Amino acid sequence: MAPLSYPTSPPPSDADLRRLSAQTARDLQSVCRDHGWALHIASAEPASGSAYVQFPPLRVDVAQQIIAGLRRLLNSRCAECAAIKRRRAQAIRDKDMATAAAAAMAMGRHQRAVH
């Protein structure tokens, strides 16, 4: 049996990685600014084929606010997602595959539109 082969794409160039780093730093700085944090986030030099950004030293209270915000973001559930999941699960329990399929389509549309 022959091993699976996967198509490989060329690694990104340093110029591409620098552009990615710069855009990511701008986006992250903008989000921080929207939350009232005056952080200067900078792009860093690429290394080992990866793009990086640099944070300045953070006061503990700012770091704790960022941690709390990330926890809320990662632990919060979208009410619409939960409702669609409940409808689909009930349809599956009821063996109503048409409704289950419709719920799956609704979830896809919702995910693309909102998340």
PDB file of N, CA and C in Angstrom:
ATOM      1  N   MET A   1       0.840  -1.179   0.000  1.00  0.00           N
ATOM      2  CA  MET A   1       0.000   0.000   0.000  1.00  0.00           C
ATOM      3  C   MET A   1       0.886   1.243   0.000  1.00  0.00           C
ATOM      4  N   ALA A   2       0.637   2.140  -0.899  1.00  0.00           N
ATOM      5  CA  ALA A   2       1.450   3.346  -1.028  1.00  0.00           C
ATOM      6  C   ALA A   2       1.054   4.361   0.032  1.00  0.00           C
ATOM      7  N   PRO A   3       2.022   5.090   0.590  1.00  0.00           N
ATOM      8  CA  PRO A   3       1.675   6.120   1.574  1.00  0.00           C
ATOM      9  C   PRO A   3       0.890   7.241   0.908  1.00  0.00           C
ATOM     10  N   LEU A   4       0.049   7.874   1.703  1.00  0.00           N
ATOM     11  CA  LEU A   4      -0.705   9.019   1.194  1.00  0.00           C
ATOM     12  C   LEU A   4       0.245  10.159   0.899  1.00  0.00           C
ATOM     13  N   SER A   5      -0.010  10.828  -0.179  1.00  0.00           N
ATOM     14  CA  SER A   5       0.789  12.013  -0.470  1.00  0.00           C
ATOM     15  C   SER A   5      -0.140  13.218  -0.434  1.00  0.00           C
ATOM     16  N   TYR A   6       0.344  14.272   0.132  1.00  0.00           N
ATOM     17  CA  TYR A   6      -0.441  15.488   0.255  1.00  0.00           C
ATOM     18  C   TYR A   6       0.179  16.557  -0.624  1.00  0.00           C
ATOM     19  N   PRO A   7      -0.651  17.333  -1.301  1.00  0.00           N
ATOM     20  CA  PRO A   7      -0.082  18.411  -2.106  1.00  0.00           C
ATOM     21  C   PRO A   7       0.586  19.423  -1.175  1.00  0.00           C
ATOM     22  N   THR A   8       1.707  19.888  -1.591  1.00  0.00           N
ATOM     23  CA  THR A   8       2.405  20.887  -0.787  1.00  0.00           C
ATOM     24  C   THR A   8       2.394  22.205  -1.541  1.00  0.00           C
ATOM     25  N   SER A   9       2.257  23.249  -0.782  1.00  0.00           N
ATOM     26  CA  SER A   9       2.336  24.569  -1.385  1.00  0.00           C
ATOM     27  C   SER A   9       3.634  25.196  -0.907  1.00  0.00           C
ATOM     28  N   PRO A  10       4.167  26.097  -1.686  1.00  0.00           N
ATOM     29  CA  PRO A  10       5.425  26.715  -1.263  1.00  0.00           C
ATOM     30  C   PRO A  10       5.201  27.502   0.028  1.00  0.00           C
ATOM     31  N   PRO A  11       6.200  27.542   0.882  1.00  0.00           N
ATOM     32  CA  PRO A  11       6.037  28.317   2.121  1.00  0.00           C
ATOM     33  C   PRO A  11       5.885  29.797   1.782  1.00  0.00           C
ATOM     34  N   PRO A  12       5.203  30.537   2.660  1.00  0.00           N
ATOM     35  CA  PRO A  12       5.050  31.969   2.386  1.00  0.00           C
ATOM     36  C   PRO A  12       6.401  32.675   2.423  1.00  0.00           C
ATOM     37  N   SER A  13       6.518  33.698   1.633  1.00  0.00           N
ATOM     38  CA  SER A  13       7.767  34.467   1.610  1.00  0.00           C
ATOM     39  C   SER A  13       7.854  35.343   2.860  1.00  0.00           C
ATOM     40  N   ASP A  14       9.061  35.802   3.161  1.00  0.00           N
ATOM     41  CA  ASP A  14       9.228  36.716   4.292  1.00  0.00           C
ATOM     42  C   ASP A  14       8.402  37.985   4.090  1.00  0.00           C
ATOM     43  N   ALA A  15       8.303  38.452   2.848  1.00  0.00           N
ATOM     44  CA  ALA A  15       7.499  39.652   2.573  1.00  0.00           C
ATOM     45  C   ALA A  15       6.029  39.393   2.899  1.00  0.00           C
ATOM     46  N   ASP A  16       5.530  38.203   2.528  1.00  0.00           N
ATOM     47  CA  ASP A  16       4.135  37.855   2.857  1.00  0.00           C
ATOM     48  C   ASP A  16       3.944  37.789   4.371  1.00  0.00           C
ATOM     49  N   LEU A  17       4.897  37.189   5.058  1.00  0.00           N
ATOM     50  CA  LEU A  17       4.801  37.075   6.513  1.00  0.00           C
ATOM     51  C   LEU A  17       4.858  38.444   7.181  1.00  0.00           C
ATOM     52  N   ARG A  18       5.676  39.352   6.646  1.00  0.00           N
ATOM     53  CA  ARG A  18       5.739  40.710   7.198  1.00  0.00           C
ATOM     54  C   ARG A  18       4.403  41.433   7.008  1.00  0.00           C
ATOM     55  N   ARG A  19       3.801  41.268   5.817  1.00  0.00           N
ATOM     56  CA  ARG A  19       2.490  41.885   5.578  1.00  0.00           C
ATOM     57  C   ARG A  19       1.447  41.319   6.538  1.00  0.00           C
ATOM     58  N   LEU A  20       1.448  40.001   6.732  1.00  0.00           N
ATOM     59  CA  LEU A  20       0.516  39.368   7.652  1.00  0.00           C
ATOM     60  C   LEU A  20       0.732  39.867   9.075  1.00  0.00           C
ATOM     61  N   SER A  21       1.980  39.960   9.495  1.00  0.00           N
ATOM     62  CA  SER A  21       2.294  40.461  10.837  1.00  0.00           C
ATOM     63  C   SER A  21       1.802  41.893  11.016  1.00  0.00           C
ATOM     64  N   ALA A  22       2.052  42.737  10.024  1.00  0.00           N
ATOM     65  CA  ALA A  22       1.650  44.140  10.117  1.00  0.00           C
ATOM     66  C   ALA A  22       0.132  44.269  10.188  1.00  0.00           C
ATOM     67  N   GLN A  23      -0.589  43.533   9.344  1.00  0.00           N
ATOM     68  CA  GLN A  23      -2.052  43.594   9.350  1.00  0.00           C
ATOM     69  C   GLN A  23      -2.617  43.069  10.665  1.00  0.00           C
ATOM     70  N   THR A  24      -2.060  41.974  11.160  1.00  0.00           N
ATOM     71  CA  THR A  24      -2.528  41.400  12.422  1.00  0.00           C
ATOM     72  C   THR A  24      -2.262  42.357  13.576  1.00  0.00           C
ATOM     73  N   ALA A  25      -1.098  42.992  13.592  1.00  0.00           N
ATOM     74  CA  ALA A  25      -0.779  43.963  14.642  1.00  0.00           C
ATOM     75  C   ALA A  25      -1.756  45.135  14.600  1.00  0.00           C
ATOM     76  N   ARG A  26      -2.062  45.640  13.387  1.00  0.00           N
ATOM     77  CA  ARG A  26      -3.031  46.743  13.270  1.00  0.00           C
ATOM     78  C   ARG A  26      -4.400  46.320  13.765  1.00  0.00           C
ATOM     79  N   ASP A  27      -4.852  45.127  13.358  1.00  0.00           N
ATOM     80  CA  ASP A  27      -6.172  44.648  13.775  1.00  0.00           C
ATOM     81  C   ASP A  27      -6.246  44.473  15.287  1.00  0.00           C
ATOM     82  N   LEU A  28      -5.226  43.876  15.860  1.00  0.00           N
ATOM     83  CA  LEU A  28      -5.202  43.646  17.302  1.00  0.00           C
ATOM     84  C   LEU A  28      -5.137  44.964  18.064  1.00  0.00           C
ATOM     85  N   GLN A  29      -4.339  45.890  17.577  1.00  0.00           N
ATOM     86  CA  GLN A  29      -4.255  47.200  18.226  1.00  0.00           C
ATOM     87  C   GLN A  29      -5.592  47.928  18.146  1.00  0.00           C
ATOM     88  N   SER A  30      -6.282  47.809  17.029  1.00  0.00           N
ATOM     89  CA  SER A  30      -7.593  48.445  16.868  1.00  0.00           C
ATOM     90  C   SER A  30      -8.613  47.881  17.859  1.00  0.00           C
ATOM     91  N   VAL A  31      -8.616  46.562  18.011  1.00  0.00           N
ATOM     92  CA  VAL A  31      -9.537  45.937  18.967  1.00  0.00           C
ATOM     93  C   VAL A  31      -9.217  46.397  20.384  1.00  0.00           C
ATOM     94  N   CYS A  32      -7.929  46.436  20.723  1.00  0.00           N
ATOM     95  CA  CYS A  32      -7.540  46.905  22.055  1.00  0.00           C
ATOM     96  C   CYS A  32      -7.960  48.359  22.263  1.00  0.00           C
ATOM     97  N   ARG A  33      -7.760  49.198  21.253  1.00  0.00           N
ATOM     98  CA  ARG A  33      -8.143  50.608  21.342  1.00  0.00           C
ATOM     99  C   ARG A  33      -9.656  50.732  21.549  1.00  0.00           C
ATOM    100  N   ASP A  34     -10.442  49.890  20.851  1.00  0.00           N
ATOM    101  CA  ASP A  34     -11.899  49.907  21.009  1.00  0.00           C
ATOM    102  C   ASP A  34     -12.317  49.591  22.439  1.00  0.00           C
ATOM    103  N   HIS A  35     -11.479  48.850  23.157  1.00  0.00           N
ATOM    104  CA  HIS A  35     -11.772  48.491  24.542  1.00  0.00           C
ATOM    105  C   HIS A  35     -11.095  49.416  25.541  1.00  0.00           C
ATOM    106  N   GLY A  36     -10.482  50.490  25.040  1.00  0.00           N
ATOM    107  CA  GLY A  36      -9.885  51.480  25.924  1.00  0.00           C
ATOM    108  C   GLY A  36      -8.462  51.181  26.354  1.00  0.00           C
ATOM    109  N   TRP A  37      -7.825  50.224  25.718  1.00  0.00           N
ATOM    110  CA  TRP A  37      -6.448  49.887  26.070  1.00  0.00           C
ATOM    111  C   TRP A  37      -5.509  50.542  25.069  1.00  0.00           C
ATOM    112  N   ALA A  38      -4.637  51.402  25.563  1.00  0.00           N
ATOM    113  CA  ALA A  38      -3.692  52.114  24.709  1.00  0.00           C
ATOM    114  C   ALA A  38      -2.411  51.302  24.577  1.00  0.00           C
ATOM    115  N   LEU A  39      -2.482  50.215  23.851  1.00  0.00           N
ATOM    116  CA  LEU A  39      -1.327  49.348  23.653  1.00  0.00           C
ATOM    117  C   LEU A  39      -0.748  49.592  22.270  1.00  0.00           C
ATOM    118  N   HIS A  40       0.573  49.569  22.193  1.00  0.00           N
ATOM    119  CA  HIS A  40       1.211  49.647  20.881  1.00  0.00           C
ATOM    120  C   HIS A  40       1.681  48.245  20.517  1.00  0.00           C
ATOM    121  N   ILE A  41       0.935  47.592  19.655  1.00  0.00           N
ATOM    122  CA  ILE A  41       1.268  46.242  19.221  1.00  0.00           C
ATOM    123  C   ILE A  41       1.973  46.375  17.879  1.00  0.00           C
ATOM    124  N   ALA A  42       3.122  45.750  17.766  1.00  0.00           N
ATOM    125  CA  ALA A  42       3.948  45.905  16.570  1.00  0.00           C
ATOM    126  C   ALA A  42       4.133  44.563  15.876  1.00  0.00           C
ATOM    127  N   SER A  43       4.381  44.644  14.595  1.00  0.00           N
ATOM    128  CA  SER A  43       4.739  43.418  13.867  1.00  0.00           C
ATOM    129  C   SER A  43       6.177  43.079  14.209  1.00  0.00           C
ATOM    130  N   ALA A  44       6.480  41.805  14.137  1.00  0.00           N
ATOM    131  CA  ALA A  44       7.840  41.337  14.425  1.00  0.00           C
ATOM    132  C   ALA A  44       8.392  40.648  13.190  1.00  0.00           C
ATOM    133  N   GLU A  45       9.669  40.415  13.199  1.00  0.00           N
ATOM    134  CA  GLU A  45      10.307  39.728  12.069  1.00  0.00           C
ATOM    135  C   GLU A  45       9.835  38.279  12.005  1.00  0.00           C
ATOM    136  N   PRO A  46       9.622  37.781  10.798  1.00  0.00           N
ATOM    137  CA  PRO A  46       9.234  36.377  10.667  1.00  0.00           C
ATOM    138  C   PRO A  46      10.376  35.466  11.118  1.00  0.00           C
ATOM    139  N   ALA A  47       9.984  34.295  11.604  1.00  0.00           N
ATOM    140  CA  ALA A  47      10.982  33.306  12.017  1.00  0.00           C
ATOM    141  C   ALA A  47      10.435  31.915  11.761  1.00  0.00           C
ATOM    142  N   SER A  48      11.252  31.061  11.214  1.00  0.00           N
ATOM    143  CA  SER A  48      10.890  29.658  10.963  1.00  0.00           C
ATOM    144  C   SER A  48       9.597  29.522  10.163  1.00  0.00           C
ATOM    145  N   GLY A  49       9.369  30.446   9.242  1.00  0.00           N
ATOM    146  CA  GLY A  49       8.196  30.361   8.383  1.00  0.00           C
ATOM    147  C   GLY A  49       6.904  30.808   9.024  1.00  0.00           C
ATOM    148  N   SER A  50       6.973  31.493  10.162  1.00  0.00           N
ATOM    149  CA  SER A  50       5.767  31.966  10.852  1.00  0.00           C
ATOM    150  C   SER A  50       5.812  33.476  11.024  1.00  0.00           C
ATOM    151  N   ALA A  51       4.626  34.074  11.088  1.00  0.00           N
ATOM    152  CA  ALA A  51       4.494  35.517  11.320  1.00  0.00           C
ATOM    153  C   ALA A  51       4.273  35.755  12.811  1.00  0.00           C
ATOM    154  N   TYR A  52       4.768  36.882  13.312  1.00  0.00           N
ATOM    155  CA  TYR A  52       4.662  37.190  14.732  1.00  0.00           C
ATOM    156  C   TYR A  52       4.267  38.640  14.941  1.00  0.00           C
ATOM    157  N   VAL A  53       3.653  38.906  16.110  1.00  0.00           N
ATOM    158  CA  VAL A  53       3.417  40.269  16.581  1.00  0.00           C
ATOM    159  C   VAL A  53       4.026  40.381  17.973  1.00  0.00           C
ATOM    160  N   GLN A  54       4.325  41.624  18.385  1.00  0.00           N
ATOM    161  CA  GLN A  54       4.927  41.860  19.690  1.00  0.00           C
ATOM    162  C   GLN A  54       4.009  42.709  20.546  1.00  0.00           C
ATOM    163  N   PHE A  55       3.835  42.280  21.781  1.00  0.00           N
ATOM    164  CA  PHE A  55       3.112  43.068  22.776  1.00  0.00           C
ATOM    165  C   PHE A  55       4.124  43.838  23.600  1.00  0.00           C
ATOM    166  N   PRO A  56       3.725  45.020  24.062  1.00  0.00           N
ATOM    167  CA  PRO A  56       4.601  45.717  24.997  1.00  0.00           C
ATOM    168  C   PRO A  56       4.442  45.052  26.370  1.00  0.00           C
ATOM    169  N   PRO A  57       5.309  45.374  27.317  1.00  0.00           N
ATOM    170  CA  PRO A  57       5.055  44.881  28.677  1.00  0.00           C
ATOM    171  C   PRO A  57       3.676  45.379  29.124  1.00  0.00           C
ATOM    172  N   LEU A  58       2.903  44.505  29.731  1.00  0.00           N
ATOM    173  CA  LEU A  58       1.539  44.851  30.150  1.00  0.00           C
ATOM    174  C   LEU A  58       1.467  44.973  31.661  1.00  0.00           C
ATOM    175  N   ARG A  59       0.746  46.010  32.125  1.00  0.00           N
ATOM    176  CA  ARG A  59       0.449  46.071  33.553  1.00  0.00           C
ATOM    177  C   ARG A  59      -0.433  44.875  33.887  1.00  0.00           C
ATOM    178  N   VAL A  60      -0.344  44.397  35.097  1.00  0.00           N
ATOM    179  CA  VAL A  60      -1.095  43.220  35.506  1.00  0.00           C
ATOM    180  C   VAL A  60      -2.596  43.463  35.357  1.00  0.00           C
ATOM    181  N   ASP A  61      -3.081  44.660  35.718  1.00  0.00           N
ATOM    182  CA  ASP A  61      -4.522  44.900  35.627  1.00  0.00           C
ATOM    183  C   ASP A  61      -5.005  44.858  34.176  1.00  0.00           C
ATOM    184  N   VAL A  62      -4.192  45.327  33.234  1.00  0.00           N
ATOM    185  CA  VAL A  62      -4.564  45.267  31.820  1.00  0.00           C
ATOM    186  C   VAL A  62      -4.563  43.813  31.347  1.00  0.00           C
ATOM    187  N   ALA A  63      -3.534  43.063  31.726  1.00  0.00           N
ATOM    188  CA  ALA A  63      -3.474  41.648  31.350  1.00  0.00           C
ATOM    189  C   ALA A  63      -4.678  40.897  31.917  1.00  0.00           C
ATOM    190  N   GLN A  64      -5.073  41.212  33.143  1.00  0.00           N
ATOM    191  CA  GLN A  64      -6.233  40.546  33.749  1.00  0.00           C
ATOM    192  C   GLN A  64      -7.528  40.901  33.011  1.00  0.00           C
ATOM    193  N   GLN A  65      -7.645  42.140  32.545  1.00  0.00           N
ATOM    194  CA  GLN A  65      -8.827  42.528  31.761  1.00  0.00           C
ATOM    195  C   GLN A  65      -8.864  41.769  30.440  1.00  0.00           C
ATOM    196  N   ILE A  66      -7.721  41.617  29.805  1.00  0.00           N
ATOM    197  CA  ILE A  66      -7.651  40.875  28.546  1.00  0.00           C
ATOM    198  C   ILE A  66      -8.016  39.412  28.787  1.00  0.00           C
ATOM    199  N   ILE A  67      -7.493  38.833  29.848  1.00  0.00           N
ATOM    200  CA  ILE A  67      -7.818  37.443  30.186  1.00  0.00           C
ATOM    201  C   ILE A  67      -9.317  37.292  30.428  1.00  0.00           C
ATOM    202  N   ALA A  68      -9.900  38.198  31.203  1.00  0.00           N
ATOM    203  CA  ALA A  68     -11.343  38.119  31.491  1.00  0.00           C
ATOM    204  C   ALA A  68     -12.158  38.247  30.210  1.00  0.00           C
ATOM    205  N   GLY A  69     -11.758  39.154  29.327  1.00  0.00           N
ATOM    206  CA  GLY A  69     -12.465  39.316  28.059  1.00  0.00           C
ATOM    207  C   GLY A  69     -12.380  38.078  27.188  1.00  0.00           C
ATOM    208  N   LEU A  70     -11.203  37.485  27.123  1.00  0.00           N
ATOM    209  CA  LEU A  70     -11.048  36.258  26.341  1.00  0.00           C
ATOM    210  C   LEU A  70     -11.871  35.117  26.929  1.00  0.00           C
ATOM    211  N   ARG A  71     -11.895  35.015  28.256  1.00  0.00           N
ATOM    212  CA  ARG A  71     -12.716  33.965  28.881  1.00  0.00           C
ATOM    213  C   ARG A  71     -14.192  34.151  28.553  1.00  0.00           C
ATOM    214  N   ARG A  72     -14.683  35.391  28.628  1.00  0.00           N
ATOM    215  CA  ARG A  72     -16.089  35.652  28.287  1.00  0.00           C
ATOM    216  C   ARG A  72     -16.360  35.271  26.842  1.00  0.00           C
ATOM    217  N   LEU A  73     -15.456  35.652  25.960  1.00  0.00           N
ATOM    218  CA  LEU A  73     -15.618  35.364  24.543  1.00  0.00           C
ATOM    219  C   LEU A  73     -15.642  33.855  24.293  1.00  0.00           C
ATOM    220  N   LEU A  74     -14.725  33.145  24.907  1.00  0.00           N
ATOM    221  CA  LEU A  74     -14.601  31.712  24.658  1.00  0.00           C
ATOM    222  C   LEU A  74     -15.675  30.900  25.370  1.00  0.00           C
ATOM    223  N   ASN A  75     -16.246  31.431  26.445  1.00  0.00           N
ATOM    224  CA  ASN A  75     -17.241  30.682  27.205  1.00  0.00           C
ATOM    225  C   ASN A  75     -18.674  31.092  26.902  1.00  0.00           C
ATOM    226  N   SER A  76     -18.853  32.188  26.195  1.00  0.00           N
ATOM    227  CA  SER A  76     -20.218  32.626  25.917  1.00  0.00           C
ATOM    228  C   SER A  76     -20.776  31.838  24.741  1.00  0.00           C
ATOM    229  N   ARG A  77     -22.063  31.598  24.791  1.00  0.00           N
ATOM    230  CA  ARG A  77     -22.708  30.854  23.720  1.00  0.00           C
ATOM    231  C   ARG A  77     -23.679  31.786  23.017  1.00  0.00           C
ATOM    232  N   CYS A  78     -23.699  31.680  21.750  1.00  0.00           N
ATOM    233  CA  CYS A  78     -24.623  32.467  20.950  1.00  0.00           C
ATOM    234  C   CYS A  78     -26.020  31.871  21.133  1.00  0.00           C
ATOM    235  N   ALA A  79     -26.992  32.695  21.489  1.00  0.00           N
ATOM    236  CA  ALA A  79     -28.357  32.212  21.723  1.00  0.00           C
ATOM    237  C   ALA A  79     -28.954  31.600  20.457  1.00  0.00           C
ATOM    238  N   GLU A  80     -28.698  32.210  19.310  1.00  0.00           N
ATOM    239  CA  GLU A  80     -29.237  31.678  18.052  1.00  0.00           C
ATOM    240  C   GLU A  80     -28.612  30.325  17.725  1.00  0.00           C
ATOM    241  N   CYS A  81     -27.296  30.191  17.929  1.00  0.00           N
ATOM    242  CA  CYS A  81     -26.636  28.894  17.709  1.00  0.00           C
ATOM    243  C   CYS A  81     -27.272  27.831  18.598  1.00  0.00           C
ATOM    244  N   ALA A  82     -27.461  28.164  19.873  1.00  0.00           N
ATOM    245  CA  ALA A  82     -28.038  27.204  20.815  1.00  0.00           C
ATOM    246  C   ALA A  82     -29.447  26.799  20.382  1.00  0.00           C
ATOM    247  N   ALA A  83     -30.254  27.759  19.921  1.00  0.00           N
ATOM    248  CA  ALA A  83     -31.623  27.452  19.493  1.00  0.00           C
ATOM    249  C   ALA A  83     -31.623  26.542  18.266  1.00  0.00           C
ATOM    250  N   ILE A  84     -30.756  26.827  17.323  1.00  0.00           N
ATOM    251  CA  ILE A  84     -30.674  25.989  16.111  1.00  0.00           C
ATOM    252  C   ILE A  84     -30.223  24.576  16.486  1.00  0.00           C
ATOM    253  N   LYS A  85     -29.236  24.477  17.377  1.00  0.00           N
ATOM    254  CA  LYS A  85     -28.759  23.158  17.806  1.00  0.00           C
ATOM    255  C   LYS A  85     -29.870  22.371  18.494  1.00  0.00           C
ATOM    256  N   ARG A  86     -30.649  23.060  19.333  1.00  0.00           N
ATOM    257  CA  ARG A  86     -31.773  22.375  20.004  1.00  0.00           C
ATOM    258  C   ARG A  86     -32.795  21.879  18.999  1.00  0.00           C
ATOM    259  N   ARG A  87     -33.131  22.726  18.008  1.00  0.00           N
ATOM    260  CA  ARG A  87     -34.105  22.310  16.978  1.00  0.00           C
ATOM    261  C   ARG A  87     -33.594  21.101  16.205  1.00  0.00           C
ATOM    262  N   ARG A  88     -32.334  21.115  15.840  1.00  0.00           N
ATOM    263  CA  ARG A  88     -31.772  19.995  15.082  1.00  0.00           C
ATOM    264  C   ARG A  88     -31.741  18.722  15.915  1.00  0.00           C
ATOM    265  N   ALA A  89     -31.322  18.842  17.179  1.00  0.00           N
ATOM    266  CA  ALA A  89     -31.275  17.662  18.051  1.00  0.00           C
ATOM    267  C   ALA A  89     -32.666  17.071  18.244  1.00  0.00           C
ATOM    268  N   GLN A  90     -33.663  17.929  18.432  1.00  0.00           N
ATOM    269  CA  GLN A  90     -35.034  17.427  18.592  1.00  0.00           C
ATOM    270  C   GLN A  90     -35.511  16.762  17.310  1.00  0.00           C
ATOM    271  N   ALA A  91     -35.187  17.332  16.182  1.00  0.00           N
ATOM    272  CA  ALA A  91     -35.589  16.737  14.898  1.00  0.00           C
ATOM    273  C   ALA A  91     -34.944  15.362  14.727  1.00  0.00           C
ATOM    274  N   ILE A  92     -33.699  15.221  15.118  1.00  0.00           N
ATOM    275  CA  ILE A  92     -33.029  13.920  15.015  1.00  0.00           C
ATOM    276  C   ILE A  92     -33.687  12.915  15.953  1.00  0.00           C
ATOM    277  N   ARG A  93     -33.988  13.355  17.184  1.00  0.00           N
ATOM    278  CA  ARG A  93     -34.678  12.450  18.119  1.00  0.00           C
ATOM    279  C   ARG A  93     -36.030  12.007  17.566  1.00  0.00           C
ATOM    280  N   ASP A  94     -36.704  12.940  16.866  1.00  0.00           N
ATOM    281  CA  ASP A  94     -38.020  12.639  16.279  1.00  0.00           C
ATOM    282  C   ASP A  94     -37.907  11.947  14.926  1.00  0.00           C
ATOM    283  N   LYS A  95     -36.673  11.698  14.486  1.00  0.00           N
ATOM    284  CA  LYS A  95     -36.404  11.081  13.172  1.00  0.00           C
ATOM    285  C   LYS A  95     -36.998  11.899  12.021  1.00  0.00           C
ATOM    286  N   ASP A  96     -36.987  13.219  12.197  1.00  0.00           N
ATOM    287  CA  ASP A  96     -37.473  14.153  11.181  1.00  0.00           C
ATOM    288  C   ASP A  96     -36.253  14.706  10.444  1.00  0.00           C
ATOM    289  N   MET A  97     -35.799  13.941   9.462  1.00  0.00           N
ATOM    290  CA  MET A  97     -34.551  14.296   8.780  1.00  0.00           C
ATOM    291  C   MET A  97     -34.675  15.574   7.946  1.00  0.00           C
ATOM    292  N   ALA A  98     -35.860  15.877   7.457  1.00  0.00           N
ATOM    293  CA  ALA A  98     -36.031  17.118   6.684  1.00  0.00           C
ATOM    294  C   ALA A  98     -35.793  18.334   7.578  1.00  0.00           C
ATOM    295  N   THR A  99     -36.366  18.310   8.784  1.00  0.00           N
ATOM    296  CA  THR A  99     -36.173  19.430   9.716  1.00  0.00           C
ATOM    297  C   THR A  99     -34.723  19.484  10.197  1.00  0.00           C
ATOM    298  N   ALA A 100     -34.128  18.316  10.426  1.00  0.00           N
ATOM    299  CA  ALA A 100     -32.722  18.275  10.849  1.00  0.00           C
ATOM    300  C   ALA A 100     -31.825  18.875   9.771  1.00  0.00           C
ATOM    301  N   ALA A 101     -32.085  18.528   8.519  1.00  0.00           N
ATOM    302  CA  ALA A 101     -31.295  19.081   7.416  1.00  0.00           C
ATOM    303  C   ALA A 101     -31.504  20.583   7.297  1.00  0.00           C
ATOM    304  N   ALA A 102     -32.747  21.021   7.467  1.00  0.00           N
ATOM    305  CA  ALA A 102     -33.033  22.461   7.401  1.00  0.00           C
ATOM    306  C   ALA A 102     -32.312  23.209   8.524  1.00  0.00           C
ATOM    307  N   ALA A 103     -32.261  22.595   9.710  1.00  0.00           N
ATOM    308  CA  ALA A 103     -31.559  23.225  10.831  1.00  0.00           C
ATOM    309  C   ALA A 103     -30.066  23.309  10.541  1.00  0.00           C
ATOM    310  N   ALA A 104     -29.512  22.267   9.930  1.00  0.00           N
ATOM    311  CA  ALA A 104     -28.086  22.297   9.577  1.00  0.00           C
ATOM    312  C   ALA A 104     -27.814  23.414   8.575  1.00  0.00           C
ATOM    313  N   MET A 105     -28.685  23.570   7.608  1.00  0.00           N
ATOM    314  CA  MET A 105     -28.527  24.662   6.631  1.00  0.00           C
ATOM    315  C   MET A 105     -28.658  26.019   7.319  1.00  0.00           C
ATOM    316  N   ALA A 106     -29.613  26.123   8.238  1.00  0.00           N
ATOM    317  CA  ALA A 106     -29.800  27.379   8.973  1.00  0.00           C
ATOM    318  C   ALA A 106     -28.558  27.714   9.787  1.00  0.00           C
ATOM    319  N   MET A 107     -27.936  26.687  10.382  1.00  0.00           N
ATOM    320  CA  MET A 107     -26.725  26.920  11.166  1.00  0.00           C
ATOM    321  C   MET A 107     -25.603  27.424  10.261  1.00  0.00           C
ATOM    322  N   GLY A 108     -25.467  26.853   9.098  1.00  0.00           N
ATOM    323  CA  GLY A 108     -24.443  27.309   8.165  1.00  0.00           C
ATOM    324  C   GLY A 108     -24.644  28.762   7.768  1.00  0.00           C
ATOM    325  N   ARG A 109     -25.897  29.112   7.445  1.00  0.00           N
ATOM    326  CA  ARG A 109     -26.191  30.499   7.082  1.00  0.00           C
ATOM    327  C   ARG A 109     -25.913  31.437   8.254  1.00  0.00           C
ATOM    328  N   HIS A 110     -26.347  31.015   9.457  1.00  0.00           N
ATOM    329  CA  HIS A 110     -26.130  31.848  10.646  1.00  0.00           C
ATOM    330  C   HIS A 110     -24.642  32.033  10.917  1.00  0.00           C
ATOM    331  N   GLN A 111     -23.867  30.948  10.847  1.00  0.00           N
ATOM    332  CA  GLN A 111     -22.430  31.028  11.098  1.00  0.00           C
ATOM    333  C   GLN A 111     -21.752  31.984  10.125  1.00  0.00           C
ATOM    334  N   ARG A 112     -22.097  31.891   8.855  1.00  0.00           N
ATOM    335  CA  ARG A 112     -21.480  32.772   7.849  1.00  0.00           C
ATOM    336  C   ARG A 112     -21.900  34.231   8.061  1.00  0.00           C
ATOM    337  N   ALA A 113     -23.139  34.435   8.452  1.00  0.00           N
ATOM    338  CA  ALA A 113     -23.643  35.801   8.589  1.00  0.00           C
ATOM    339  C   ALA A 113     -23.175  36.483   9.878  1.00  0.00           C
ATOM    340  N   VAL A 114     -23.077  35.718  10.954  1.00  0.00           N
ATOM    341  CA  VAL A 114     -22.854  36.336  12.259  1.00  0.00           C
ATOM    342  C   VAL A 114     -21.454  36.102  12.813  1.00  0.00           C
ATOM    343  N   HIS A 115     -20.945  34.928  12.626  1.00  0.00           N
ATOM    344  CA  HIS A 115     -19.665  34.598  13.275  1.00  0.00           C
ATOM    345  C   HIS A 115     -18.561  34.678  12.256  1.00  0.00           C
TER     346      HIS A 115
END
